[in-house]
Amino acid sequence: MTNSTDELKPVTMWENKAAKGHALCAEPIFRDHIEGTQALRDRQAAYLDSLPSDPPEVIRAALKLMHPNSESYPDGIEEALHLSHALEALVKDGDLDEDGFNRDAALYVADRVVMAMHRATRQLDRIGDILGNPGRIERDRAT
């Protein structure tokens, strides 16, 4: 007969690391983590519930994001394209090693390109969520 304490093993640092440190943290910290995670899960569920699931409405919603106000591209794409040409000219023609107007302009344009691309990727992510929603609903029903 083996001693029951011989079978008990403590959580290793590797196991705790795999659990993002929550296996061995203090109970209030663990509860805060659970509550915060549940709030995020609830927000995601509300977002997914807000997406259209009827195929014609899915198509309409995706097209609306792809061509806002009858534009050719999702929000941010065209701006980033134009700004990237300006940035290219500044980098090719400007002296960017020293402080000055050219360097400030290049940094400003680069920052605007980044912001425009973030807007564009958010729109593309939403388009992907909308187009994938009917399939997600079907998968969720199957599980």
N, C-alpha and C. Protein backbone atom coordinates (compact mmCIF):
# COMPACT_ATOMS: atom_id res chain seq x y z
N MET A 1 0.84 -1.19 0.00
CA MET A 1 0.00 0.00 0.00
C MET A 1 0.87 1.24 0.00
N THR A 2 0.60 2.19 -0.91
CA THR A 2 1.40 3.40 -0.97
C THR A 2 0.76 4.47 -0.11
N ASN A 3 1.58 5.29 0.43
CA ASN A 3 1.14 6.40 1.26
C ASN A 3 0.49 7.45 0.36
N SER A 4 -0.67 7.95 0.73
CA SER A 4 -1.39 8.92 -0.12
C SER A 4 -0.59 10.20 -0.31
N THR A 5 0.27 10.55 0.63
CA THR A 5 1.09 11.76 0.45
C THR A 5 2.17 11.56 -0.59
N ASP A 6 2.56 10.29 -0.85
CA ASP A 6 3.54 10.01 -1.89
C ASP A 6 2.97 10.34 -3.27
N GLU A 7 1.65 10.24 -3.44
CA GLU A 7 1.02 10.50 -4.72
C GLU A 7 0.77 11.99 -4.96
N LEU A 8 0.71 12.76 -3.89
CA LEU A 8 0.46 14.19 -4.03
C LEU A 8 1.74 14.90 -4.43
N LYS A 9 1.63 15.74 -5.42
CA LYS A 9 2.80 16.49 -5.88
C LYS A 9 2.43 17.95 -5.97
N PRO A 10 3.33 18.82 -5.59
CA PRO A 10 3.03 20.26 -5.70
C PRO A 10 3.03 20.71 -7.15
N VAL A 11 2.39 21.82 -7.37
CA VAL A 11 2.41 22.44 -8.71
C VAL A 11 3.83 22.91 -8.97
N THR A 12 4.37 22.54 -10.12
CA THR A 12 5.73 22.95 -10.45
C THR A 12 5.73 24.38 -10.99
N MET A 13 6.88 24.98 -11.01
CA MET A 13 6.97 26.34 -11.56
C MET A 13 6.61 26.34 -13.04
N TRP A 14 6.88 25.23 -13.74
CA TRP A 14 6.54 25.13 -15.16
C TRP A 14 5.03 25.08 -15.35
N GLU A 15 4.36 24.32 -14.50
CA GLU A 15 2.90 24.25 -14.57
C GLU A 15 2.28 25.60 -14.24
N ASN A 16 2.82 26.26 -13.23
CA ASN A 16 2.31 27.58 -12.86
C ASN A 16 2.55 28.58 -13.99
N LYS A 17 3.71 28.49 -14.62
CA LYS A 17 4.00 29.38 -15.75
C LYS A 17 3.02 29.13 -16.90
N ALA A 18 2.71 27.86 -17.16
CA ALA A 18 1.76 27.53 -18.22
C ALA A 18 0.37 28.08 -17.90
N ALA A 19 0.06 28.23 -16.61
CA ALA A 19 -1.22 28.79 -16.18
C ALA A 19 -1.12 30.31 -15.97
N LYS A 20 -0.10 30.92 -16.57
CA LYS A 20 0.12 32.38 -16.47
C LYS A 20 0.27 32.85 -15.03
N GLY A 21 0.78 31.98 -14.15
CA GLY A 21 1.02 32.33 -12.76
C GLY A 21 -0.19 32.27 -11.87
N HIS A 22 -1.33 31.91 -12.43
CA HIS A 22 -2.57 31.94 -11.64
C HIS A 22 -2.76 30.70 -10.77
N ALA A 23 -2.01 29.65 -11.00
CA ALA A 23 -2.17 28.45 -10.18
C ALA A 23 -1.68 28.68 -8.75
N LEU A 24 -0.66 29.50 -8.59
CA LEU A 24 -0.06 29.70 -7.28
C LEU A 24 -0.23 31.12 -6.72
N CYS A 25 -1.01 31.94 -7.39
CA CYS A 25 -1.18 33.31 -6.89
C CYS A 25 -2.19 33.33 -5.73
N ALA A 26 -2.24 34.44 -5.04
CA ALA A 26 -3.18 34.60 -3.93
C ALA A 26 -4.62 34.55 -4.45
N GLU A 27 -5.51 34.05 -3.62
CA GLU A 27 -6.91 33.88 -4.01
C GLU A 27 -7.55 35.16 -4.54
N PRO A 28 -7.36 36.33 -3.88
CA PRO A 28 -7.98 37.55 -4.43
C PRO A 28 -7.48 37.91 -5.83
N ILE A 29 -6.22 37.66 -6.09
CA ILE A 29 -5.66 37.94 -7.41
C ILE A 29 -6.27 36.99 -8.43
N PHE A 30 -6.41 35.72 -8.05
CA PHE A 30 -7.02 34.74 -8.95
C PHE A 30 -8.47 35.12 -9.24
N ARG A 31 -9.23 35.52 -8.24
CA ARG A 31 -10.64 35.91 -8.43
C ARG A 31 -10.74 37.14 -9.34
N ASP A 32 -9.84 38.12 -9.14
CA ASP A 32 -9.83 39.30 -10.01
C ASP A 32 -9.58 38.90 -11.47
N HIS A 33 -8.67 37.96 -11.65
CA HIS A 33 -8.36 37.47 -12.99
C HIS A 33 -9.59 36.80 -13.61
N ILE A 34 -10.26 35.97 -12.84
CA ILE A 34 -11.45 35.28 -13.34
C ILE A 34 -12.54 36.29 -13.68
N GLU A 35 -12.78 37.27 -12.81
CA GLU A 35 -13.81 38.28 -13.06
C GLU A 35 -13.47 39.12 -14.30
N GLY A 36 -12.20 39.51 -14.41
CA GLY A 36 -11.79 40.29 -15.58
C GLY A 36 -11.92 39.50 -16.86
N THR A 37 -11.54 38.23 -16.79
CA THR A 37 -11.66 37.36 -17.96
C THR A 37 -13.12 37.15 -18.33
N GLN A 38 -13.98 36.97 -17.34
CA GLN A 38 -15.40 36.78 -17.61
C GLN A 38 -15.99 38.03 -18.25
N ALA A 39 -15.57 39.20 -17.79
CA ALA A 39 -16.06 40.45 -18.39
C ALA A 39 -15.66 40.52 -19.86
N LEU A 40 -14.43 40.11 -20.18
CA LEU A 40 -13.99 40.09 -21.58
C LEU A 40 -14.77 39.07 -22.39
N ARG A 41 -15.02 37.90 -21.80
CA ARG A 41 -15.79 36.87 -22.50
C ARG A 41 -17.22 37.36 -22.77
N ASP A 42 -17.80 38.05 -21.79
CA ASP A 42 -19.16 38.59 -21.96
C ASP A 42 -19.18 39.64 -23.07
N ARG A 43 -18.15 40.51 -23.08
CA ARG A 43 -18.08 41.54 -24.13
C ARG A 43 -17.94 40.90 -25.50
N GLN A 44 -17.10 39.87 -25.61
CA GLN A 44 -16.93 39.18 -26.90
C GLN A 44 -18.23 38.52 -27.33
N ALA A 45 -18.93 37.90 -26.39
CA ALA A 45 -20.20 37.25 -26.72
C ALA A 45 -21.21 38.28 -27.23
N ALA A 46 -21.27 39.45 -26.58
CA ALA A 46 -22.18 40.50 -27.02
C ALA A 46 -21.80 40.98 -28.42
N TYR A 47 -20.49 41.12 -28.69
CA TYR A 47 -20.03 41.52 -30.01
C TYR A 47 -20.46 40.50 -31.06
N LEU A 48 -20.20 39.21 -30.78
CA LEU A 48 -20.56 38.17 -31.74
C LEU A 48 -22.06 38.12 -31.96
N ASP A 49 -22.82 38.34 -30.90
CA ASP A 49 -24.29 38.35 -31.03
C ASP A 49 -24.77 39.52 -31.89
N SER A 50 -23.97 40.59 -31.94
CA SER A 50 -24.38 41.78 -32.71
C SER A 50 -24.14 41.61 -34.21
N LEU A 51 -23.37 40.60 -34.60
CA LEU A 51 -23.05 40.40 -36.01
C LEU A 51 -24.24 39.79 -36.74
N PRO A 52 -24.44 40.18 -38.00
CA PRO A 52 -25.54 39.60 -38.76
C PRO A 52 -25.27 38.13 -39.06
N SER A 53 -26.34 37.36 -39.18
CA SER A 53 -26.18 35.94 -39.49
C SER A 53 -26.96 35.54 -40.75
N ASP A 54 -27.92 36.34 -41.16
CA ASP A 54 -28.68 36.08 -42.37
C ASP A 54 -27.78 36.37 -43.58
N PRO A 55 -27.56 35.42 -44.48
CA PRO A 55 -26.60 35.62 -45.58
C PRO A 55 -26.74 36.93 -46.35
N PRO A 56 -27.93 37.36 -46.76
CA PRO A 56 -27.99 38.66 -47.47
C PRO A 56 -27.55 39.83 -46.59
N GLU A 57 -27.89 39.78 -45.30
CA GLU A 57 -27.48 40.86 -44.40
C GLU A 57 -25.97 40.81 -44.15
N VAL A 58 -25.39 39.61 -44.10
CA VAL A 58 -23.94 39.46 -43.95
C VAL A 58 -23.24 40.13 -45.13
N ILE A 59 -23.72 39.86 -46.32
CA ILE A 59 -23.11 40.45 -47.52
C ILE A 59 -23.24 41.97 -47.50
N ARG A 60 -24.42 42.48 -47.16
CA ARG A 60 -24.62 43.93 -47.10
C ARG A 60 -23.69 44.58 -46.08
N ALA A 61 -23.58 43.98 -44.90
CA ALA A 61 -22.73 44.55 -43.85
C ALA A 61 -21.26 44.53 -44.26
N ALA A 62 -20.80 43.44 -44.88
CA ALA A 62 -19.41 43.37 -45.32
C ALA A 62 -19.13 44.39 -46.42
N LEU A 63 -20.03 44.49 -47.38
CA LEU A 63 -19.84 45.47 -48.46
C LEU A 63 -19.84 46.91 -47.93
N LYS A 64 -20.66 47.17 -46.95
CA LYS A 64 -20.71 48.52 -46.35
C LYS A 64 -19.36 48.88 -45.73
N LEU A 65 -18.72 47.92 -45.08
CA LEU A 65 -17.40 48.17 -44.49
C LEU A 65 -16.30 48.22 -45.54
N MET A 66 -16.44 47.41 -46.58
CA MET A 66 -15.43 47.40 -47.64
C MET A 66 -15.46 48.67 -48.47
N HIS A 67 -16.65 49.26 -48.62
CA HIS A 67 -16.80 50.45 -49.45
C HIS A 67 -17.61 51.52 -48.70
N PRO A 68 -17.03 52.06 -47.61
CA PRO A 68 -17.78 53.07 -46.84
C PRO A 68 -17.99 54.33 -47.67
N ASN A 69 -19.19 54.87 -47.62
CA ASN A 69 -19.52 56.09 -48.37
C ASN A 69 -19.14 55.98 -49.83
N SER A 70 -19.32 54.82 -50.41
CA SER A 70 -19.01 54.54 -51.82
C SER A 70 -17.52 54.68 -52.15
N GLU A 71 -16.67 54.58 -51.15
CA GLU A 71 -15.22 54.62 -51.39
C GLU A 71 -14.78 53.28 -51.96
N SER A 72 -13.55 53.25 -52.47
CA SER A 72 -13.04 52.04 -53.09
C SER A 72 -12.52 51.01 -52.08
N TYR A 73 -12.09 51.49 -50.90
CA TYR A 73 -11.42 50.61 -49.94
C TYR A 73 -11.95 50.86 -48.53
N PRO A 74 -11.70 49.90 -47.62
CA PRO A 74 -12.07 50.12 -46.22
C PRO A 74 -11.35 51.34 -45.65
N ASP A 75 -11.93 51.91 -44.60
CA ASP A 75 -11.38 53.09 -43.95
C ASP A 75 -9.91 52.89 -43.61
N GLY A 76 -9.08 53.82 -44.05
CA GLY A 76 -7.66 53.81 -43.73
C GLY A 76 -6.76 53.36 -44.87
N ILE A 77 -7.27 52.54 -45.76
CA ILE A 77 -6.43 51.98 -46.83
C ILE A 77 -5.95 53.08 -47.78
N GLU A 78 -6.88 53.88 -48.29
CA GLU A 78 -6.51 54.90 -49.26
C GLU A 78 -5.58 55.94 -48.63
N GLU A 79 -5.89 56.34 -47.40
CA GLU A 79 -5.03 57.32 -46.71
C GLU A 79 -3.63 56.76 -46.53
N ALA A 80 -3.53 55.51 -46.11
CA ALA A 80 -2.21 54.90 -45.93
C ALA A 80 -1.46 54.81 -47.25
N LEU A 81 -2.16 54.52 -48.33
CA LEU A 81 -1.52 54.44 -49.64
C LEU A 81 -0.93 55.79 -50.03
N HIS A 82 -1.73 56.86 -49.91
CA HIS A 82 -1.23 58.19 -50.26
C HIS A 82 -0.07 58.61 -49.35
N LEU A 83 -0.23 58.37 -48.08
CA LEU A 83 0.83 58.75 -47.14
C LEU A 83 2.10 57.95 -47.37
N SER A 84 1.97 56.71 -47.79
CA SER A 84 3.17 55.90 -48.04
C SER A 84 3.98 56.48 -49.20
N HIS A 85 3.29 57.06 -50.19
CA HIS A 85 4.02 57.71 -51.29
C HIS A 85 4.74 58.95 -50.79
N ALA A 86 4.10 59.72 -49.91
CA ALA A 86 4.75 60.90 -49.34
C ALA A 86 5.95 60.49 -48.50
N LEU A 87 5.78 59.44 -47.73
CA LEU A 87 6.88 58.96 -46.88
C LEU A 87 8.05 58.49 -47.74
N GLU A 88 7.74 57.79 -48.82
CA GLU A 88 8.79 57.33 -49.72
C GLU A 88 9.61 58.52 -50.25
N ALA A 89 8.91 59.58 -50.66
CA ALA A 89 9.62 60.76 -51.18
C ALA A 89 10.47 61.41 -50.09
N LEU A 90 9.94 61.50 -48.89
CA LEU A 90 10.70 62.10 -47.79
C LEU A 90 11.95 61.29 -47.47
N VAL A 91 11.81 59.97 -47.49
CA VAL A 91 12.95 59.11 -47.17
C VAL A 91 14.00 59.17 -48.27
N LYS A 92 13.55 59.18 -49.53
CA LYS A 92 14.50 59.23 -50.64
C LYS A 92 15.20 60.58 -50.75
N ASP A 93 14.44 61.65 -50.58
CA ASP A 93 14.98 62.98 -50.84
C ASP A 93 15.44 63.72 -49.60
N GLY A 94 14.95 63.32 -48.46
CA GLY A 94 15.23 64.09 -47.24
C GLY A 94 16.45 63.61 -46.50
N ASP A 95 17.02 64.53 -45.73
CA ASP A 95 18.12 64.20 -44.84
C ASP A 95 17.50 63.91 -43.48
N LEU A 96 17.36 62.64 -43.17
CA LEU A 96 16.63 62.24 -41.97
C LEU A 96 17.55 61.91 -40.79
N ASP A 97 18.86 62.07 -40.99
CA ASP A 97 19.79 61.75 -39.92
C ASP A 97 19.82 62.83 -38.84
N GLU A 98 19.49 64.04 -39.20
CA GLU A 98 19.55 65.14 -38.24
C GLU A 98 18.16 65.69 -38.00
N ASP A 99 17.99 66.31 -36.82
CA ASP A 99 16.73 66.96 -36.52
C ASP A 99 16.46 68.04 -37.55
N GLY A 100 15.21 68.19 -37.90
CA GLY A 100 14.83 69.21 -38.86
C GLY A 100 13.44 68.94 -39.41
N PHE A 101 13.04 69.81 -40.35
CA PHE A 101 11.69 69.71 -40.90
C PHE A 101 11.45 68.39 -41.64
N ASN A 102 12.45 67.95 -42.42
CA ASN A 102 12.25 66.70 -43.17
C ASN A 102 12.07 65.50 -42.24
N ARG A 103 12.88 65.45 -41.20
CA ARG A 103 12.75 64.33 -40.25
C ARG A 103 11.42 64.41 -39.52
N ASP A 104 11.03 65.61 -39.07
CA ASP A 104 9.73 65.77 -38.39
C ASP A 104 8.59 65.38 -39.31
N ALA A 105 8.70 65.77 -40.58
CA ALA A 105 7.64 65.44 -41.54
C ALA A 105 7.59 63.93 -41.76
N ALA A 106 8.74 63.30 -41.89
CA ALA A 106 8.78 61.84 -42.11
C ALA A 106 8.19 61.11 -40.91
N LEU A 107 8.52 61.54 -39.71
CA LEU A 107 7.97 60.90 -38.52
C LEU A 107 6.46 61.11 -38.43
N TYR A 108 6.00 62.30 -38.78
CA TYR A 108 4.57 62.59 -38.76
C TYR A 108 3.83 61.71 -39.77
N VAL A 109 4.36 61.64 -40.98
CA VAL A 109 3.71 60.83 -42.02
C VAL A 109 3.73 59.36 -41.64
N ALA A 110 4.86 58.89 -41.12
CA ALA A 110 4.96 57.48 -40.70
C ALA A 110 3.93 57.18 -39.62
N ASP A 111 3.76 58.09 -38.68
CA ASP A 111 2.77 57.91 -37.62
C ASP A 111 1.36 57.85 -38.19
N ARG A 112 1.06 58.70 -39.15
CA ARG A 112 -0.25 58.70 -39.79
C ARG A 112 -0.50 57.41 -40.58
N VAL A 113 0.55 56.90 -41.22
CA VAL A 113 0.42 55.63 -41.94
C VAL A 113 0.07 54.52 -40.96
N VAL A 114 0.76 54.50 -39.84
CA VAL A 114 0.49 53.47 -38.82
C VAL A 114 -0.96 53.57 -38.34
N MET A 115 -1.42 54.77 -38.04
CA MET A 115 -2.80 54.94 -37.57
C MET A 115 -3.80 54.52 -38.64
N ALA A 116 -3.54 54.88 -39.89
CA ALA A 116 -4.44 54.51 -40.99
C ALA A 116 -4.48 52.99 -41.17
N MET A 117 -3.33 52.35 -41.05
CA MET A 117 -3.29 50.90 -41.20
C MET A 117 -4.00 50.20 -40.04
N HIS A 118 -3.91 50.77 -38.84
CA HIS A 118 -4.65 50.19 -37.71
C HIS A 118 -6.16 50.29 -37.96
N ARG A 119 -6.61 51.44 -38.48
CA ARG A 119 -8.03 51.57 -38.81
C ARG A 119 -8.43 50.55 -39.87
N ALA A 120 -7.59 50.41 -40.87
CA ALA A 120 -7.89 49.48 -41.96
C ALA A 120 -7.94 48.04 -41.46
N THR A 121 -6.99 47.65 -40.63
CA THR A 121 -7.00 46.27 -40.15
C THR A 121 -8.19 46.01 -39.24
N ARG A 122 -8.61 47.02 -38.47
CA ARG A 122 -9.82 46.83 -37.66
C ARG A 122 -11.03 46.60 -38.56
N GLN A 123 -11.11 47.35 -39.65
CA GLN A 123 -12.22 47.17 -40.58
C GLN A 123 -12.15 45.79 -41.25
N LEU A 124 -10.96 45.39 -41.65
CA LEU A 124 -10.80 44.08 -42.29
C LEU A 124 -11.11 42.95 -41.30
N ASP A 125 -10.69 43.11 -40.04
CA ASP A 125 -11.02 42.12 -39.02
C ASP A 125 -12.54 42.01 -38.85
N ARG A 126 -13.21 43.16 -38.82
CA ARG A 126 -14.67 43.16 -38.66
C ARG A 126 -15.33 42.50 -39.88
N ILE A 127 -14.83 42.79 -41.07
CA ILE A 127 -15.36 42.15 -42.28
C ILE A 127 -15.20 40.63 -42.16
N GLY A 128 -14.03 40.19 -41.72
CA GLY A 128 -13.81 38.75 -41.53
C GLY A 128 -14.76 38.16 -40.50
N ASP A 129 -14.99 38.91 -39.41
CA ASP A 129 -15.93 38.43 -38.39
C ASP A 129 -17.34 38.33 -38.96
N ILE A 130 -17.74 39.32 -39.72
CA ILE A 130 -19.09 39.31 -40.31
C ILE A 130 -19.24 38.14 -41.28
N LEU A 131 -18.27 37.99 -42.16
CA LEU A 131 -18.36 36.92 -43.16
C LEU A 131 -18.27 35.54 -42.52
N GLY A 132 -17.55 35.42 -41.42
CA GLY A 132 -17.41 34.14 -40.75
C GLY A 132 -18.51 33.83 -39.76
N ASN A 133 -19.39 34.80 -39.48
CA ASN A 133 -20.40 34.61 -38.44
C ASN A 133 -21.37 33.46 -38.72
N PRO A 134 -21.93 33.33 -39.92
CA PRO A 134 -22.84 32.20 -40.12
C PRO A 134 -22.17 30.85 -39.87
N GLY A 135 -20.94 30.70 -40.30
CA GLY A 135 -20.21 29.45 -40.06
C GLY A 135 -19.92 29.24 -38.59
N ARG A 136 -19.60 30.32 -37.86
CA ARG A 136 -19.36 30.23 -36.42
C ARG A 136 -20.61 29.77 -35.71
N ILE A 137 -21.74 30.34 -36.07
CA ILE A 137 -23.01 29.95 -35.44
C ILE A 137 -23.28 28.47 -35.68
N GLU A 138 -23.05 28.03 -36.90
CA GLU A 138 -23.26 26.63 -37.24
C GLU A 138 -22.35 25.72 -36.43
N ARG A 139 -21.06 26.11 -36.29
CA ARG A 139 -20.11 25.32 -35.48
C ARG A 139 -20.52 25.29 -34.03
N ASP A 140 -20.97 26.45 -33.50
CA ASP A 140 -21.40 26.52 -32.10
C ASP A 140 -22.61 25.62 -31.84
N ARG A 141 -23.50 25.54 -32.80
CA ARG A 141 -24.69 24.67 -32.64
C ARG A 141 -24.29 23.21 -32.62
N ALA A 142 -23.24 22.86 -33.36
CA ALA A 142 -22.81 21.47 -33.46
C ALA A 142 -22.10 21.00 -32.18
N THR A 143 -21.59 21.95 -31.41
CA THR A 143 -20.85 21.54 -30.17
C THR A 143 -21.72 21.51 -28.97
